[in-house]
Amino acid sequence: MQLLVFTLDDQRFAFPLPVIIRVEHIVEIRFLPGAPEIIAGIINFKGQVIPVIDIRKRLGLPGREISPMDRMIIAHTEKRIVAILADEVPGLTVINDYQINEDETLKFARFVKGIVKTTDGLILIYDLDSFLSLDEELELDKSLADLQKNK
């Protein structure tokens, strides 16, 4: 399995490579009225308006100002394309399925597909499709629809 590894503070996370579209430098994020708190705003990506998710809020990590060195991971969920804010994106790593521990219990385990223990520490494999609750998905849909109506 190939994983795209990214960091938030000193913690390493990963997405399975098949959900990744590309990694971009940070761009201006526009506020989206009425969006769930976890949505930092929206960006224009190749002519498409996509929501930007600040997973720090979901994982209980302290917030911080966006830096010009930050990255955005453009990925797709079952419902939509999203951008995920990341401090750094060191790159790809290849792991074997037997390296993934799915039995670890963490306070945010419902968002984590598994944990990989490496010589450099832990990598949490993130489940992008479980990140937004149904209510948040509906709230986001409404905010995006309102944005389109008001254009």
Protein backbone atom coordinates (compact mmCIF):
# COMPACT_ATOMS: atom_id res chain seq x y z
CA MET A 1 0.00 0.00 0.00
CA GLN A 2 1.28 3.47 -0.85
CA LEU A 3 0.59 6.29 1.57
CA LEU A 4 1.01 10.04 1.25
CA VAL A 5 2.49 11.17 4.57
CA PHE A 6 1.83 14.65 5.96
CA THR A 7 2.46 16.36 9.26
CA LEU A 8 0.56 18.54 11.68
CA ASP A 9 2.86 19.84 14.40
CA ASP A 10 5.11 16.85 15.07
CA GLN A 11 2.51 14.19 14.35
CA ARG A 12 2.54 12.19 11.13
CA PHE A 13 -0.62 11.25 9.30
CA ALA A 14 -1.26 9.60 5.96
CA PHE A 15 -3.89 9.09 3.30
CA PRO A 16 -3.94 6.07 0.99
CA LEU A 17 -2.52 7.22 -2.34
CA PRO A 18 -5.64 6.39 -4.40
CA VAL A 19 -7.62 9.25 -2.76
CA ILE A 20 -4.93 11.86 -3.56
CA ILE A 21 -5.29 14.14 -6.55
CA ARG A 22 -2.25 16.34 -5.91
CA VAL A 23 -0.34 18.39 -3.34
CA GLU A 24 -0.31 22.18 -3.75
CA HIS A 25 1.34 25.13 -2.07
CA ILE A 26 -1.04 27.05 0.12
CA VAL A 27 -3.23 29.56 -1.70
CA GLU A 28 -5.65 32.20 -0.50
CA ILE A 29 -8.59 30.64 1.30
CA ARG A 30 -11.90 32.46 1.03
CA PHE A 31 -14.39 32.42 3.91
CA LEU A 32 -17.52 30.30 3.36
CA PRO A 33 -20.49 31.66 5.35
CA GLY A 34 -22.56 29.04 7.16
CA ALA A 35 -19.98 26.26 6.75
CA PRO A 36 -19.19 23.86 9.60
CA GLU A 37 -16.46 25.00 11.97
CA ILE A 38 -14.04 22.42 10.58
CA ILE A 39 -14.15 24.09 7.15
CA ALA A 40 -11.46 26.78 6.89
CA GLY A 41 -13.05 28.15 3.73
CA ILE A 42 -12.96 27.48 0.00
CA ILE A 43 -10.46 27.68 -2.83
CA ASN A 44 -10.71 27.69 -6.60
CA PHE A 45 -8.95 24.59 -7.89
CA LYS A 46 -8.85 24.43 -11.70
CA GLY A 47 -12.13 26.31 -11.93
CA GLN A 48 -13.86 24.22 -9.27
CA VAL A 49 -14.81 25.58 -5.83
CA ILE A 50 -13.65 23.11 -3.19
CA PRO A 51 -13.86 23.23 0.60
CA VAL A 52 -10.69 23.41 2.69
CA ILE A 53 -10.72 21.23 5.79
CA ASP A 54 -8.72 22.15 8.89
CA ILE A 55 -8.28 18.77 10.53
CA ARG A 56 -6.51 20.32 13.50
CA LYS A 57 -9.95 21.22 14.82
CA ARG A 58 -11.23 17.67 14.45
CA LEU A 59 -8.19 16.11 16.08
CA GLY A 60 -8.05 18.54 18.99
CA LEU A 61 -4.70 19.99 17.93
CA PRO A 62 -3.98 23.64 18.74
CA GLY A 63 -4.83 26.04 15.95
CA ARG A 64 -2.17 28.12 14.27
CA GLU A 65 -1.83 30.76 11.61
CA ILE A 66 -1.41 29.51 8.07
CA SER A 67 2.17 29.83 6.85
CA PRO A 68 3.35 30.37 3.26
CA MET A 69 5.25 27.08 3.71
CA ASP A 70 2.06 25.09 4.39
CA ARG A 71 0.65 22.66 1.86
CA MET A 72 -2.81 21.65 0.75
CA ILE A 73 -3.57 18.05 -0.10
CA ILE A 74 -6.25 17.88 -2.78
CA ALA A 75 -8.12 14.60 -2.37
CA HIS A 76 -11.46 13.05 -3.09
CA THR A 77 -13.95 11.56 -0.71
CA GLU A 78 -16.96 9.50 -1.75
CA LYS A 79 -18.97 12.76 -1.93
CA ARG A 80 -16.64 15.54 -3.05
CA ILE A 81 -13.16 16.88 -3.71
CA VAL A 82 -11.60 18.57 -0.69
CA ALA A 83 -8.37 20.30 0.28
CA ILE A 84 -6.72 19.34 3.55
CA LEU A 85 -4.38 21.76 5.30
CA ALA A 86 -1.00 20.26 6.19
CA ASP A 87 2.16 21.70 7.73
CA GLU A 88 4.45 19.59 5.56
CA VAL A 89 4.13 16.74 3.08
CA PRO A 90 7.35 14.71 3.27
CA GLY A 91 6.18 12.36 0.52
CA LEU A 92 5.18 8.80 -0.18
CA THR A 93 5.87 5.72 1.84
CA VAL A 94 5.17 2.12 0.94
CA ILE A 95 3.95 -0.29 3.60
CA ASN A 96 2.71 -3.85 3.67
CA ASP A 97 -0.79 -4.59 4.93
CA TYR A 98 0.62 -6.59 7.85
CA GLN A 99 2.33 -3.41 9.14
CA ILE A 100 -1.02 -1.72 9.76
CA ASN A 101 -2.37 -2.07 13.27
CA GLU A 102 -6.11 -1.46 13.29
CA ASP A 103 -6.66 -2.31 16.96
CA GLU A 104 -5.02 0.72 18.56
CA THR A 105 -7.41 2.87 20.57
CA LEU A 106 -7.07 6.61 20.33
CA LYS A 107 -9.45 9.37 21.28
CA PHE A 108 -10.04 10.11 17.59
CA ALA A 109 -9.91 6.48 16.42
CA ARG A 110 -13.12 6.79 14.42
CA PHE A 111 -11.16 8.91 11.93
CA VAL A 112 -8.17 6.58 11.75
CA LYS A 113 -8.11 3.46 9.57
CA GLY A 114 -4.93 2.16 11.16
CA ILE A 115 -1.57 2.92 12.64
CA VAL A 116 1.81 2.07 11.19
CA LYS A 117 4.79 1.83 13.50
CA THR A 118 8.01 2.85 11.78
CA THR A 119 11.54 3.47 12.97
CA ASP A 120 10.69 7.20 12.92
CA GLY A 121 7.55 6.79 15.05
CA LEU A 122 3.87 6.33 14.35
CA ILE A 123 1.93 7.21 11.21
CA LEU A 124 -1.83 7.48 11.59
CA ILE A 125 -3.65 6.43 8.43
CA TYR A 126 -6.55 8.77 8.08
CA ASP A 127 -10.04 7.79 6.86
CA LEU A 128 -11.05 10.80 4.81
CA ASP A 129 -14.61 9.57 4.20
CA SER A 130 -15.48 9.45 7.91
CA PHE A 131 -14.13 12.88 8.68
CA LEU A 132 -17.26 14.97 8.16
CA SER A 133 -20.40 13.93 9.99
CA LEU A 134 -23.66 13.69 8.09
CA ASP A 135 -24.81 16.98 9.64
CA GLU A 136 -21.55 18.66 8.60
CA GLU A 137 -21.89 17.29 5.07
CA LEU A 138 -25.43 18.71 4.85
CA GLU A 139 -24.32 22.04 6.32
CA LEU A 140 -21.46 22.22 3.82
CA ASP A 141 -23.75 21.32 0.91
CA LYS A 142 -26.12 24.13 1.91
CA SER A 143 -23.28 26.66 2.26
CA LEU A 144 -21.88 25.75 -1.16
CA ALA A 145 -25.36 25.91 -2.74
CA ASP A 146 -25.97 29.34 -1.15
CA LEU A 147 -22.63 30.51 -2.54
CA GLN A 148 -23.64 29.43 -6.05
CA LYS A 149 -27.05 31.16 -5.73
CA ASN A 150 -25.47 34.42 -4.64
CA LYS A 151 -23.02 34.62 -7.54
